[in-house]
Amino acid sequence: VILQKVREAERERQYEEFKDRAGTIINGLVKRE
């Protein structure tokens, strides 16, 4: 239960962080194909 709630909170934080960054350029690192 704790892991599930933490994952949900992490996903929500990630969405809130990037939802307003759509339409911008970002630099990243290739992880895999």
All heavy atoms as atom14 arrays in JSON, in Angstrom:
{
  "sequence": "VILQKVREAERERQYEEFKDRAGTIINGLVKRE",
  "atom14_mask": [
    [1, 1, 1, 1, 1, 1, 1, 0, 0, 0, 0, 0, 0, 0],
    [1, 1, 1, 1, 1, 1, 1, 1, 0, 0, 0, 0, 0, 0],
    [1, 1, 1, 1, 1, 1, 1, 1, 0, 0, 0, 0, 0, 0],
    [1, 1, 1, 1, 1, 1, 1, 1, 1, 0, 0, 0, 0, 0],
    [1, 1, 1, 1, 1, 1, 1, 1, 1, 0, 0, 0, 0, 0],
    [1, 1, 1, 1, 1, 1, 1, 0, 0, 0, 0, 0, 0, 0],
    [1, 1, 1, 1, 1, 1, 1, 1, 1, 1, 1, 0, 0, 0],
    [1, 1, 1, 1, 1, 1, 1, 1, 1, 0, 0, 0, 0, 0],
    [1, 1, 1, 1, 1, 0, 0, 0, 0, 0, 0, 0, 0, 0],
    [1, 1, 1, 1, 1, 1, 1, 1, 1, 0, 0, 0, 0, 0],
    [1, 1, 1, 1, 1, 1, 1, 1, 1, 1, 1, 0, 0, 0],
    [1, 1, 1, 1, 1, 1, 1, 1, 1, 0, 0, 0, 0, 0],
    [1, 1, 1, 1, 1, 1, 1, 1, 1, 1, 1, 0, 0, 0],
    [1, 1, 1, 1, 1, 1, 1, 1, 1, 0, 0, 0, 0, 0],
    [1, 1, 1, 1, 1, 1, 1, 1, 1, 1, 1, 1, 0, 0],
    [1, 1, 1, 1, 1, 1, 1, 1, 1, 0, 0, 0, 0, 0],
    [1, 1, 1, 1, 1, 1, 1, 1, 1, 0, 0, 0, 0, 0],
    [1, 1, 1, 1, 1, 1, 1, 1, 1, 1, 1, 0, 0, 0],
    [1, 1, 1, 1, 1, 1, 1, 1, 1, 0, 0, 0, 0, 0],
    [1, 1, 1, 1, 1, 1, 1, 1, 0, 0, 0, 0, 0, 0],
    [1, 1, 1, 1, 1, 1, 1, 1, 1, 1, 1, 0, 0, 0],
    [1, 1, 1, 1, 1, 0, 0, 0, 0, 0, 0, 0, 0, 0],
    [1, 1, 1, 1, 0, 0, 0, 0, 0, 0, 0, 0, 0, 0],
    [1, 1, 1, 1, 1, 1, 1, 0, 0, 0, 0, 0, 0, 0],
    [1, 1, 1, 1, 1, 1, 1, 1, 0, 0, 0, 0, 0, 0],
    [1, 1, 1, 1, 1, 1, 1, 1, 0, 0, 0, 0, 0, 0],
    [1, 1, 1, 1, 1, 1, 1, 1, 0, 0, 0, 0, 0, 0],
    [1, 1, 1, 1, 0, 0, 0, 0, 0, 0, 0, 0, 0, 0],
    [1, 1, 1, 1, 1, 1, 1, 1, 0, 0, 0, 0, 0, 0],
    [1, 1, 1, 1, 1, 1, 1, 0, 0, 0, 0, 0, 0, 0],
    [1, 1, 1, 1, 1, 1, 1, 1, 1, 0, 0, 0, 0, 0],
    [1, 1, 1, 1, 1, 1, 1, 1, 1, 1, 1, 0, 0, 0],
    [1, 1, 1, 1, 1, 1, 1, 1, 1, 0, 0, 0, 0, 0]
  ],
  "atom14_positions": [
    [[0.84, -1.2, 0.0], [0.0, 0.0, 0.0], [0.87, 1.24, 0.0], [0.63, 2.21, -0.75], [-0.95, 0.01, 1.22], [-1.67, 1.35, 1.33], [-1.95, -1.11, 1.1], [0.0, 0.0, 0.0], [0.0, 0.0, 0.0], [0.0, 0.0, 0.0], [0.0, 0.0, 0.0], [0.0, 0.0, 0.0], [0.0, 0.0, 0.0], [0.0, 0.0, 0.0]],
    [[1.91, 1.24, 0.84], [2.8, 2.4, 0.91], [3.51, 2.63, -0.41], [3.56, 3.76, -0.92], [3.82, 2.22, 2.06], [3.1, 2.22, 3.41], [4.87, 3.32, 2.01], [4.0, 1.87, 4.58], [0.0, 0.0, 0.0], [0.0, 0.0, 0.0], [0.0, 0.0, 0.0], [0.0, 0.0, 0.0], [0.0, 0.0, 0.0], [0.0, 0.0, 0.0]],
    [[4.02, 1.56, -1.01], [4.73, 1.69, -2.28], [3.79, 2.23, -3.38], [4.19, 3.07, -4.19], [5.31, 0.34, -2.7], [6.51, -0.16, -1.87], [6.91, -1.56, -2.33], [7.69, 0.79, -2.0], [0.0, 0.0, 0.0], [0.0, 0.0, 0.0], [0.0, 0.0, 0.0], [0.0, 0.0, 0.0], [0.0, 0.0, 0.0], [0.0, 0.0, 0.0]],
    [[2.55, 1.72, -3.38], [1.58, 2.17, -4.39], [1.28, 3.65, -4.23], [1.25, 4.41, -5.21], [0.3, 1.34, -4.27], [-0.81, 1.76, -5.24], [-0.44, 1.53, -6.69], [0.41, 0.68, -6.98], [-1.05, 2.28, -7.59], [0.0, 0.0, 0.0], [0.0, 0.0, 0.0], [0.0, 0.0, 0.0], [0.0, 0.0, 0.0], [0.0, 0.0, 0.0]],
    [[1.06, 4.08, -3.0], [0.76, 5.49, -2.75], [1.94, 6.38, -3.11], [1.77, 7.47, -3.66], [0.39, 5.69, -1.27], [-0.97, 5.16, -0.9], [-2.07, 5.96, -1.58], [-3.45, 5.48, -1.19], [-4.53, 6.23, -1.87], [0.0, 0.0, 0.0], [0.0, 0.0, 0.0], [0.0, 0.0, 0.0], [0.0, 0.0, 0.0], [0.0, 0.0, 0.0]],
    [[3.15, 5.9, -2.79], [4.34, 6.68, -3.12], [4.49, 6.8, -4.63], [4.82, 7.87, -5.16], [5.59, 6.04, -2.49], [6.86, 6.67, -3.05], [5.56, 6.21, -0.98], [0.0, 0.0, 0.0], [0.0, 0.0, 0.0], [0.0, 0.0, 0.0], [0.0, 0.0, 0.0], [0.0, 0.0, 0.0], [0.0, 0.0, 0.0], [0.0, 0.0, 0.0]],
    [[4.24, 5.7, -5.35], [4.33, 5.75, -6.82], [3.32, 6.73, -7.39], [3.61, 7.49, -8.32], [4.11, 4.34, -7.4], [5.37, 3.5, -7.44], [5.18, 2.3, -8.37], [4.15, 1.39, -7.87], [4.42, 0.33, -7.1], [5.66, 0.06, -6.74], [3.43, -0.46, -6.7], [0.0, 0.0, 0.0], [0.0, 0.0, 0.0], [0.0, 0.0, 0.0]],
    [[2.08, 6.7, -6.86], [1.06, 7.62, -7.34], [1.46, 9.08, -7.09], [1.27, 9.94, -7.95], [-0.28, 7.32, -6.66], [-0.91, 6.01, -7.11], [-2.17, 5.69, -6.33], [-2.55, 6.51, -5.46], [-2.78, 4.64, -6.58], [0.0, 0.0, 0.0], [0.0, 0.0, 0.0], [0.0, 0.0, 0.0], [0.0, 0.0, 0.0], [0.0, 0.0, 0.0]],
    [[2.01, 9.34, -5.9], [2.44, 10.7, -5.58], [3.59, 11.13, -6.48], [3.66, 12.29, -6.93], [2.86, 10.78, -4.11], [0.0, 0.0, 0.0], [0.0, 0.0, 0.0], [0.0, 0.0, 0.0], [0.0, 0.0, 0.0], [0.0, 0.0, 0.0], [0.0, 0.0, 0.0], [0.0, 0.0, 0.0], [0.0, 0.0, 0.0], [0.0, 0.0, 0.0]],
    [[4.5, 10.18, -6.77], [5.63, 10.48, -7.64], [5.17, 10.79, -9.05], [5.65, 11.74, -9.7], [6.59, 9.29, -7.64], [7.9, 9.56, -8.35], [8.84, 8.37, -8.3], [8.4, 7.28, -7.89], [10.01, 8.53, -8.67], [0.0, 0.0, 0.0], [0.0, 0.0, 0.0], [0.0, 0.0, 0.0], [0.0, 0.0, 0.0], [0.0, 0.0, 0.0]],
    [[4.19, 10.03, -9.54], [3.65, 10.27, -10.89], [2.96, 11.62, -10.96], [3.09, 12.36, -11.94], [2.67, 9.16, -11.26], [3.32, 7.81, -11.51], [2.28, 6.72, -11.59], [2.87, 5.41, -11.86], [2.22, 4.27, -11.79], [0.93, 4.27, -11.46], [2.82, 3.12, -12.05], [0.0, 0.0, 0.0], [0.0, 0.0, 0.0], [0.0, 0.0, 0.0]],
    [[2.19, 11.96, -9.92], [1.5, 13.23, -9.9], [2.48, 14.4, -9.88], [2.29, 15.4, -10.57], [0.57, 13.3, -8.67], [-0.31, 14.54, -8.62], [-1.29, 14.63, -9.77], [-1.64, 13.58, -10.36], [-1.7, 15.76, -10.1], [0.0, 0.0, 0.0], [0.0, 0.0, 0.0], [0.0, 0.0, 0.0], [0.0, 0.0, 0.0], [0.0, 0.0, 0.0]],
    [[3.56, 14.23, -9.09], [4.58, 15.29, -9.05], [5.23, 15.45, -10.41], [5.44, 16.58, -10.89], [5.66, 14.94, -8.01], [6.81, 15.94, -7.99], [8.02, 15.35, -7.32], [8.48, 14.14, -7.96], [9.15, 14.1, -9.11], [9.42, 15.21, -9.76], [9.54, 12.95, -9.62], [0.0, 0.0, 0.0], [0.0, 0.0, 0.0], [0.0, 0.0, 0.0]],
    [[5.51, 14.33, -11.08], [6.15, 14.39, -12.39], [5.22, 15.05, -13.42], [5.66, 15.88, -14.22], [6.51, 12.98, -12.86], [7.31, 12.95, -14.15], [7.73, 11.53, -14.53], [7.65, 10.62, -13.72], [8.17, 11.35, -15.76], [0.0, 0.0, 0.0], [0.0, 0.0, 0.0], [0.0, 0.0, 0.0], [0.0, 0.0, 0.0], [0.0, 0.0, 0.0]],
    [[3.93, 14.72, -13.36], [2.98, 15.33, -14.29], [2.88, 16.83, -14.05], [2.89, 17.63, -15.0], [1.61, 14.68, -14.14], [0.55, 15.32, -15.0], [0.48, 15.07, -16.37], [-0.37, 16.21, -14.46], [-0.47, 15.67, -17.17], [-1.34, 16.83, -15.25], [-1.38, 16.55, -16.59], [-2.32, 17.17, -17.38], [0.0, 0.0, 0.0], [0.0, 0.0, 0.0]],
    [[2.77, 17.23, -12.78], [2.64, 18.65, -12.45], [3.89, 19.42, -12.88], [3.8, 20.58, -13.28], [2.41, 18.84, -10.95], [1.05, 18.37, -10.46], [-0.09, 19.16, -11.08], [0.09, 20.38, -11.3], [-1.15, 18.57, -11.34], [0.0, 0.0, 0.0], [0.0, 0.0, 0.0], [0.0, 0.0, 0.0], [0.0, 0.0, 0.0], [0.0, 0.0, 0.0]],
    [[5.05, 18.76, -12.8], [6.3, 19.42, -13.16], [6.41, 19.65, -14.67], [6.92, 20.68, -15.12], [7.49, 18.59, -12.68], [8.84, 19.2, -13.03], [10.02, 18.39, -12.51], [9.8, 17.53, -11.63], [11.15, 18.61, -12.99], [0.0, 0.0, 0.0], [0.0, 0.0, 0.0], [0.0, 0.0, 0.0], [0.0, 0.0, 0.0], [0.0, 0.0, 0.0]],
    [[5.91, 18.69, -15.47], [6.13, 18.77, -16.92], [4.93, 19.22, -17.74], [5.09, 19.54, -18.92], [6.61, 17.4, -17.44], [8.04, 17.1, -17.11], [8.36, 16.32, -16.02], [9.07, 17.62, -17.88], [9.68, 16.05, -15.7], [10.39, 17.36, -17.58], [10.7, 16.57, -16.48], [0.0, 0.0, 0.0], [0.0, 0.0, 0.0], [0.0, 0.0, 0.0]],
    [[3.73, 19.25, -17.14], [2.55, 19.59, -17.94], [2.64, 20.99, -18.54], [2.13, 21.23, -19.64], [1.29, 19.47, -17.08], [1.15, 20.52, -16.0], [-0.18, 20.4, -15.27], [-0.33, 21.51, -14.25], [-1.62, 21.45, -13.54], [0.0, 0.0, 0.0], [0.0, 0.0, 0.0], [0.0, 0.0, 0.0], [0.0, 0.0, 0.0], [0.0, 0.0, 0.0]],
    [[3.29, 21.92, -17.82], [3.41, 23.29, -18.33], [4.68, 23.49, -19.17], [4.92, 24.59, -19.67], [3.42, 24.29, -17.17], [2.09, 24.28, -16.41], [1.06, 24.07, -17.06], [2.1, 24.47, -15.18], [0.0, 0.0, 0.0], [0.0, 0.0, 0.0], [0.0, 0.0, 0.0], [0.0, 0.0, 0.0], [0.0, 0.0, 0.0], [0.0, 0.0, 0.0]],
    [[5.46, 22.43, -19.32], [6.68, 22.54, -20.11], [6.51, 21.99, -21.54], [7.45, 22.0, -22.31], [7.83, 21.81, -19.41], [8.21, 22.44, -18.06], [9.35, 21.73, -17.39], [10.6, 21.87, -18.13], [11.74, 21.33, -17.73], [11.79, 20.61, -16.62], [12.84, 21.5, -18.44], [0.0, 0.0, 0.0], [0.0, 0.0, 0.0], [0.0, 0.0, 0.0]],
    [[5.29, 21.52, -21.84], [5.01, 21.1, -23.21], [5.18, 22.3, -24.13], [4.72, 23.41, -23.83], [3.6, 20.54, -23.32], [0.0, 0.0, 0.0], [0.0, 0.0, 0.0], [0.0, 0.0, 0.0], [0.0, 0.0, 0.0], [0.0, 0.0, 0.0], [0.0, 0.0, 0.0], [0.0, 0.0, 0.0], [0.0, 0.0, 0.0], [0.0, 0.0, 0.0]],
    [[5.87, 22.1, -25.25], [6.14, 23.2, -26.16], [7.49, 23.87, -25.92], [7.77, 24.93, -26.49], [0.0, 0.0, 0.0], [0.0, 0.0, 0.0], [0.0, 0.0, 0.0], [0.0, 0.0, 0.0], [0.0, 0.0, 0.0], [0.0, 0.0, 0.0], [0.0, 0.0, 0.0], [0.0, 0.0, 0.0], [0.0, 0.0, 0.0], [0.0, 0.0, 0.0]],
    [[8.32, 23.24, -25.1], [9.67, 23.77, -24.84], [10.72, 22.72, -25.18], [10.4, 21.54, -25.39], [9.83, 24.19, -23.36], [9.68, 23.02, -22.53], [8.78, 25.22, -22.97], [0.0, 0.0, 0.0], [0.0, 0.0, 0.0], [0.0, 0.0, 0.0], [0.0, 0.0, 0.0], [0.0, 0.0, 0.0], [0.0, 0.0, 0.0], [0.0, 0.0, 0.0]],
    [[11.97, 23.17, -25.22], [13.1, 22.27, -25.51], [13.74, 21.84, -24.2], [13.84, 22.63, -23.25], [14.13, 22.97, -26.41], [13.57, 23.09, -27.84], [15.45, 22.22, -26.44], [14.48, 23.81, -28.8], [0.0, 0.0, 0.0], [0.0, 0.0, 0.0], [0.0, 0.0, 0.0], [0.0, 0.0, 0.0], [0.0, 0.0, 0.0], [0.0, 0.0, 0.0]],
    [[14.16, 20.58, -24.16], [14.82, 20.06, -22.96], [16.0, 19.2, -23.38], [15.99, 18.59, -24.46], [13.82, 19.24, -22.11], [14.41, 18.93, -20.74], [13.41, 17.97, -22.82], [13.4, 18.32, -19.77], [0.0, 0.0, 0.0], [0.0, 0.0, 0.0], [0.0, 0.0, 0.0], [0.0, 0.0, 0.0], [0.0, 0.0, 0.0], [0.0, 0.0, 0.0]],
    [[17.03, 19.17, -22.56], [18.19, 18.31, -22.79], [18.06, 17.06, -21.92], [17.61, 17.14, -20.77], [19.49, 19.03, -22.46], [19.76, 20.18, -23.41], [19.6, 20.04, -24.62], [20.15, 21.33, -22.87], [0.0, 0.0, 0.0], [0.0, 0.0, 0.0], [0.0, 0.0, 0.0], [0.0, 0.0, 0.0], [0.0, 0.0, 0.0], [0.0, 0.0, 0.0]],
    [[18.45, 15.92, -22.47], [18.36, 14.69, -21.71], [19.47, 13.73, -22.07], [20.33, 14.03, -22.92], [0.0, 0.0, 0.0], [0.0, 0.0, 0.0], [0.0, 0.0, 0.0], [0.0, 0.0, 0.0], [0.0, 0.0, 0.0], [0.0, 0.0, 0.0], [0.0, 0.0, 0.0], [0.0, 0.0, 0.0], [0.0, 0.0, 0.0], [0.0, 0.0, 0.0]],
    [[19.46, 12.58, -21.41], [20.44, 11.53, -21.66], [19.71, 10.29, -22.19], [18.67, 9.9, -21.66], [21.18, 11.15, -20.37], [22.23, 12.13, -19.86], [22.77, 11.65, -18.51], [23.38, 12.22, -20.86], [0.0, 0.0, 0.0], [0.0, 0.0, 0.0], [0.0, 0.0, 0.0], [0.0, 0.0, 0.0], [0.0, 0.0, 0.0], [0.0, 0.0, 0.0]],
    [[20.26, 9.7, -23.23], [19.68, 8.48, -23.78], [19.9, 7.34, -22.8], [21.03, 7.08, -22.37], [20.31, 8.14, -25.15], [19.79, 6.8, -25.65], [20.03, 9.25, -26.16], [0.0, 0.0, 0.0], [0.0, 0.0, 0.0], [0.0, 0.0, 0.0], [0.0, 0.0, 0.0], [0.0, 0.0, 0.0], [0.0, 0.0, 0.0], [0.0, 0.0, 0.0]],
    [[18.81, 6.65, -22.43], [18.93, 5.52, -21.5], [18.99, 4.19, -22.24], [19.83, 3.36, -21.99], [17.74, 5.51, -20.52], [17.79, 6.64, -19.49], [16.78, 6.41, -18.37], [17.2, 5.26, -17.48], [16.31, 5.13, -16.29], [0.0, 0.0, 0.0], [0.0, 0.0, 0.0], [0.0, 0.0, 0.0], [0.0, 0.0, 0.0], [0.0, 0.0, 0.0]],
    [[18.04, 4.02, -23.18], [18.0, 2.75, -23.9], [17.11, 2.92, -25.13], [16.44, 3.94, -25.3], [17.45, 1.63, -23.01], [16.02, 1.86, -22.55], [15.57, 0.82, -21.53], [14.17, 1.03, -21.11], [13.8, 1.88, -20.17], [14.73, 2.62, -19.56], [12.53, 2.01, -19.85], [0.0, 0.0, 0.0], [0.0, 0.0, 0.0], [0.0, 0.0, 0.0]],
    [[17.11, 1.89, -25.97], [16.26, 1.88, -27.16], [15.32, 0.7, -27.09], [15.72, -0.41, -26.78], [17.11, 1.8, -28.43], [16.29, 1.86, -29.72], [17.16, 1.92, -30.96], [18.37, 2.18, -30.81], [16.63, 1.69, -32.06], [0.0, 0.0, 0.0], [0.0, 0.0, 0.0], [0.0, 0.0, 0.0], [0.0, 0.0, 0.0], [0.0, 0.0, 0.0]]
  ]
}
